[in-house]
N, C-alpha and C. Protein backbone atom coordinates (compact mmCIF):
# COMPACT_ATOMS: atom_id res chain seq x y z
N MET A 1 -56.67 11.55 -187.65
CA MET A 1 -57.87 10.52 -187.85
C MET A 1 -56.93 8.96 -188.30
N GLN A 2 -57.69 8.49 -187.49
CA GLN A 2 -56.90 6.92 -187.67
C GLN A 2 -57.93 6.46 -189.18
N SER A 3 -57.55 5.43 -189.64
CA SER A 3 -57.80 4.66 -190.64
C SER A 3 -58.11 3.40 -190.00
N GLN A 4 -59.38 2.62 -190.92
CA GLN A 4 -59.50 1.61 -189.96
C GLN A 4 -59.03 0.33 -190.80
N ASN A 5 -58.75 0.76 -191.84
CA ASN A 5 -58.68 -0.54 -192.59
C ASN A 5 -57.49 -1.39 -192.13
N PRO A 6 -58.02 -2.32 -191.98
CA PRO A 6 -56.80 -3.38 -191.33
C PRO A 6 -55.71 -3.94 -192.37
N MET A 7 -55.61 -3.69 -193.41
CA MET A 7 -55.12 -4.25 -194.35
C MET A 7 -53.59 -2.42 -194.35
N ILE A 8 -54.03 -1.30 -193.94
CA ILE A 8 -53.17 -0.45 -193.88
C ILE A 8 -52.38 -0.50 -192.60
N ALA A 9 -53.31 -1.05 -191.53
CA ALA A 9 -52.48 -1.48 -190.35
C ALA A 9 -51.71 -2.21 -190.33
N ASP A 10 -51.22 -3.28 -190.95
CA ASP A 10 -51.04 -4.21 -191.20
C ASP A 10 -49.36 -4.14 -192.35
N PHE A 11 -49.60 -3.20 -192.95
CA PHE A 11 -48.59 -3.05 -193.59
C PHE A 11 -47.92 -1.55 -193.01
N VAL A 12 -48.37 -0.23 -191.76
CA VAL A 12 -47.74 -0.26 -190.93
C VAL A 12 -46.78 -1.07 -190.00
N LYS A 13 -47.44 -1.84 -189.17
CA LYS A 13 -46.58 -2.65 -188.83
C LYS A 13 -45.24 -3.30 -188.96
N LEU A 14 -45.84 -3.80 -190.64
CA LEU A 14 -44.84 -4.58 -191.36
C LEU A 14 -43.62 -3.66 -191.67
N ALA A 15 -44.16 -2.13 -191.74
CA ALA A 15 -43.01 -0.84 -191.99
C ALA A 15 -42.17 -0.78 -190.79
N ASN A 16 -42.88 -0.72 -189.63
CA ASN A 16 -42.11 -0.54 -188.66
C ASN A 16 -41.40 -1.68 -188.25
N SER A 17 -41.72 -2.90 -188.22
CA SER A 17 -40.92 -4.04 -188.04
C SER A 17 -39.66 -3.88 -189.53
N ALA A 18 -39.55 -3.57 -190.13
CA ALA A 18 -38.52 -3.48 -191.09
C ALA A 18 -37.51 -2.14 -190.80
N ALA A 19 -37.99 -1.20 -190.27
CA ALA A 19 -37.14 0.02 -189.77
C ALA A 19 -36.44 -0.37 -188.70
N GLY A 20 -36.66 -1.50 -187.71
CA GLY A 20 -36.68 -1.52 -186.69
C GLY A 20 -35.25 -3.22 -186.95
N THR A 21 -35.80 -3.68 -187.84
CA THR A 21 -34.61 -5.21 -188.53
C THR A 21 -33.88 -4.16 -189.31
N PHE A 22 -33.63 -3.02 -189.86
CA PHE A 22 -32.63 -2.28 -190.84
C PHE A 22 -32.21 -1.80 -189.45
N ALA A 23 -32.66 -1.23 -188.90
CA ALA A 23 -31.51 -0.60 -187.62
C ALA A 23 -30.67 -1.46 -187.09
N GLY A 24 -31.29 -2.60 -186.33
CA GLY A 24 -30.53 -3.63 -185.92
C GLY A 24 -29.52 -4.11 -186.76
N MET A 25 -29.83 -4.36 -187.86
CA MET A 25 -28.38 -4.97 -189.02
C MET A 25 -27.41 -4.02 -189.08
N THR A 26 -27.62 -2.82 -189.02
CA THR A 26 -26.70 -1.72 -189.35
C THR A 26 -26.16 -2.00 -188.18
N ARG A 27 -26.39 -1.29 -186.73
CA ARG A 27 -25.97 -1.85 -185.36
C ARG A 27 -24.74 -2.97 -185.57
N GLU A 28 -24.97 -3.78 -185.56
CA GLU A 28 -24.68 -5.02 -186.00
C GLU A 28 -23.36 -5.04 -187.01
N ALA A 29 -23.51 -4.50 -187.97
CA ALA A 29 -22.68 -4.74 -189.39
C ALA A 29 -21.77 -3.72 -188.76
N ARG A 30 -22.12 -2.69 -187.69
CA ARG A 30 -21.05 -1.56 -187.28
C ARG A 30 -20.30 -1.87 -186.49
N GLU A 31 -20.38 -2.96 -185.18
CA GLU A 31 -20.10 -3.38 -184.34
C GLU A 31 -18.64 -4.29 -185.31
N SER A 32 -19.29 -4.76 -185.33
CA SER A 32 -18.78 -6.03 -186.47
C SER A 32 -17.51 -5.65 -186.90
N ALA A 33 -17.14 -4.80 -187.93
CA ALA A 33 -16.56 -3.97 -188.58
C ALA A 33 -15.68 -3.29 -187.27
N ARG A 34 -16.10 -2.91 -186.26
CA ARG A 34 -15.05 -2.48 -185.59
C ARG A 34 -14.24 -3.37 -184.83
N GLU A 35 -14.89 -4.67 -184.44
CA GLU A 35 -13.95 -6.00 -183.77
C GLU A 35 -13.47 -6.16 -185.35
N ARG A 36 -13.52 -6.29 -186.38
CA ARG A 36 -12.48 -6.65 -187.30
C ARG A 36 -11.35 -6.03 -187.13
N MET A 37 -11.44 -4.72 -187.19
CA MET A 37 -10.59 -3.13 -187.05
C MET A 37 -9.35 -3.61 -185.71
N LYS A 38 -10.19 -3.83 -184.62
CA LYS A 38 -9.40 -4.15 -183.39
C LYS A 38 -8.75 -5.58 -183.47
N GLU A 39 -9.17 -6.01 -184.14
CA GLU A 39 -8.04 -7.27 -184.32
C GLU A 39 -7.37 -6.88 -185.26
N ALA A 40 -7.16 -6.79 -186.70
CA ALA A 40 -6.45 -6.36 -187.27
C ALA A 40 -5.50 -5.06 -186.67
N MET A 41 -5.58 -4.34 -185.77
CA MET A 41 -5.22 -3.73 -185.75
C MET A 41 -4.24 -3.87 -183.98
N GLY A 42 -4.60 -4.82 -183.71
CA GLY A 42 -4.02 -5.42 -182.67
C GLY A 42 -2.55 -6.46 -182.56
N GLY A 43 -2.60 -6.39 -183.79
CA GLY A 43 -1.28 -7.39 -183.91
C GLY A 43 -0.61 -6.44 -184.66
N MET A 44 -0.47 -5.40 -184.70
CA MET A 44 0.49 -4.36 -185.19
C MET A 44 1.10 -3.38 -183.98
N ASP A 45 2.48 -3.16 -183.90
CA ASP A 45 3.38 -2.59 -182.75
C ASP A 45 3.05 -1.42 -182.94
N PHE A 46 2.29 -0.74 -182.65
CA PHE A 46 1.86 0.92 -182.22
C PHE A 46 2.77 0.91 -181.14
N VAL A 47 2.92 2.55 -181.03
CA VAL A 47 3.75 3.34 -179.65
C VAL A 47 2.42 4.31 -179.29
N THR A 48 2.54 4.05 -178.07
CA THR A 48 1.56 4.93 -177.06
C THR A 48 1.72 6.19 -177.34
N ARG A 49 0.83 7.25 -177.29
CA ARG A 49 1.09 8.69 -177.19
C ARG A 49 2.11 9.14 -176.18
N GLU A 50 2.56 8.41 -174.92
CA GLU A 50 3.69 8.68 -174.26
C GLU A 50 4.53 8.39 -174.63
N GLU A 51 4.71 7.24 -174.81
CA GLU A 51 5.72 6.55 -175.63
C GLU A 51 6.60 7.43 -177.05
N PHE A 52 5.79 7.90 -177.62
CA PHE A 52 6.19 9.11 -178.74
C PHE A 52 6.85 10.05 -178.49
N ASP A 53 6.07 10.82 -177.03
CA ASP A 53 6.28 12.37 -176.57
C ASP A 53 8.02 11.97 -176.10
N ALA A 54 8.00 10.93 -175.37
CA ALA A 54 8.90 10.65 -174.81
C ALA A 54 10.96 10.67 -175.48
N VAL A 55 10.79 10.12 -176.53
CA VAL A 55 10.95 9.63 -177.30
C VAL A 55 11.63 10.82 -178.23
N LYS A 56 10.14 11.70 -178.69
CA LYS A 56 10.49 13.09 -179.60
C LYS A 56 11.11 13.91 -178.52
N ASP A 57 11.43 13.97 -177.06
CA ASP A 57 12.07 14.38 -175.76
C ASP A 57 13.49 14.29 -175.92
N MET A 58 13.80 13.01 -176.21
CA MET A 58 15.08 12.23 -176.13
C MET A 58 16.03 13.05 -177.07
N ALA A 59 14.84 12.58 -178.37
CA ALA A 59 15.92 13.02 -179.77
C ALA A 59 15.83 15.09 -179.54
N ALA A 60 15.12 15.73 -179.52
CA ALA A 60 15.39 17.02 -179.26
C ALA A 60 16.37 17.19 -178.15
N LYS A 61 16.70 16.53 -176.60
CA LYS A 61 17.92 17.01 -176.23
C LYS A 61 19.43 15.86 -176.95
N ALA A 62 18.94 15.20 -177.63
CA ALA A 62 20.36 14.88 -178.35
C ALA A 62 20.62 15.69 -179.34
N ARG A 63 19.91 16.28 -179.49
CA ARG A 63 19.87 17.44 -180.71
C ARG A 63 20.89 18.20 -180.58
N GLU A 64 20.61 18.83 -179.13
CA GLU A 64 20.59 19.99 -178.76
C GLU A 64 22.57 19.55 -178.29
N GLU A 65 22.44 18.84 -177.29
CA GLU A 65 23.11 18.30 -177.21
C GLU A 65 24.60 17.64 -178.65
N ASN A 66 24.32 17.38 -179.32
CA ASN A 66 25.46 17.43 -180.69
C ASN A 66 25.30 18.81 -181.10
N GLU A 67 24.71 19.52 -180.83
CA GLU A 67 25.25 21.15 -181.61
C GLU A 67 26.08 21.82 -180.34
N LYS A 68 26.19 21.33 -179.23
CA LYS A 68 26.99 22.06 -177.91
C LYS A 68 28.30 21.20 -178.45
N LEU A 69 28.34 19.85 -178.72
CA LEU A 69 29.72 19.48 -178.74
C LEU A 69 30.01 19.91 -180.02
N ALA A 70 29.88 19.86 -181.30
CA ALA A 70 30.08 20.61 -182.52
C ALA A 70 30.55 21.82 -182.26
N GLU A 71 29.92 22.56 -181.59
CA GLU A 71 31.01 23.77 -181.11
C GLU A 71 31.86 23.66 -180.34
N ARG A 72 31.75 22.65 -179.07
CA ARG A 72 33.54 22.54 -178.60
C ARG A 72 34.09 22.41 -179.64
N ILE A 73 34.03 21.47 -180.19
CA ILE A 73 34.81 21.04 -181.13
C ILE A 73 35.55 21.86 -182.35
N ALA A 74 34.78 22.53 -182.80
CA ALA A 74 34.88 24.23 -183.72
C ALA A 74 36.24 24.61 -182.91
N ALA A 75 36.06 25.22 -181.41
CA ALA A 75 36.50 25.84 -180.33
C ALA A 75 37.96 25.08 -180.28
N LEU A 76 38.09 23.94 -179.93
CA LEU A 76 39.14 23.11 -179.78
C LEU A 76 40.35 23.30 -180.97
N GLU A 77 39.84 22.88 -182.31
CA GLU A 77 40.07 22.83 -183.24
C GLU A 77 40.82 24.50 -183.59
N ALA A 78 40.44 25.53 -183.73
CA ALA A 78 40.49 27.19 -183.72
C ALA A 78 42.20 26.64 -182.51
N LYS A 79 41.72 26.74 -181.57
CA LYS A 79 43.03 26.76 -180.75
C LYS A 79 43.79 26.37 -181.16
N SER A 80 43.94 25.20 -181.46
CA SER A 80 45.00 23.68 -182.25
C SER A 80 45.29 24.37 -182.90
N ALA A 81 45.08 25.14 -183.66
CA ALA A 81 45.67 25.54 -185.21
C ALA A 81 46.15 26.86 -184.60
N LYS A 82 46.34 27.45 -183.91
CA LYS A 82 46.95 28.75 -183.55
C LYS A 82 48.94 28.09 -183.21
């Protein structure tokens, strides 16, 4: 059953308008904050995931090579000590 009272109808319209305005303000604030973060982070030198993984692989290979070289040195020193 709908109310025929124009005052209530006006109040409902006002509440709907306020809700729409609040939703718009929330969306605008979120987009503004996101844009500010992009600007702040844009000046920093971050590496991509691919670059990070490549350097990580290089470090692992270098570590393995160092271990092999350490074993060779130990073997050579053992030979020269005899």
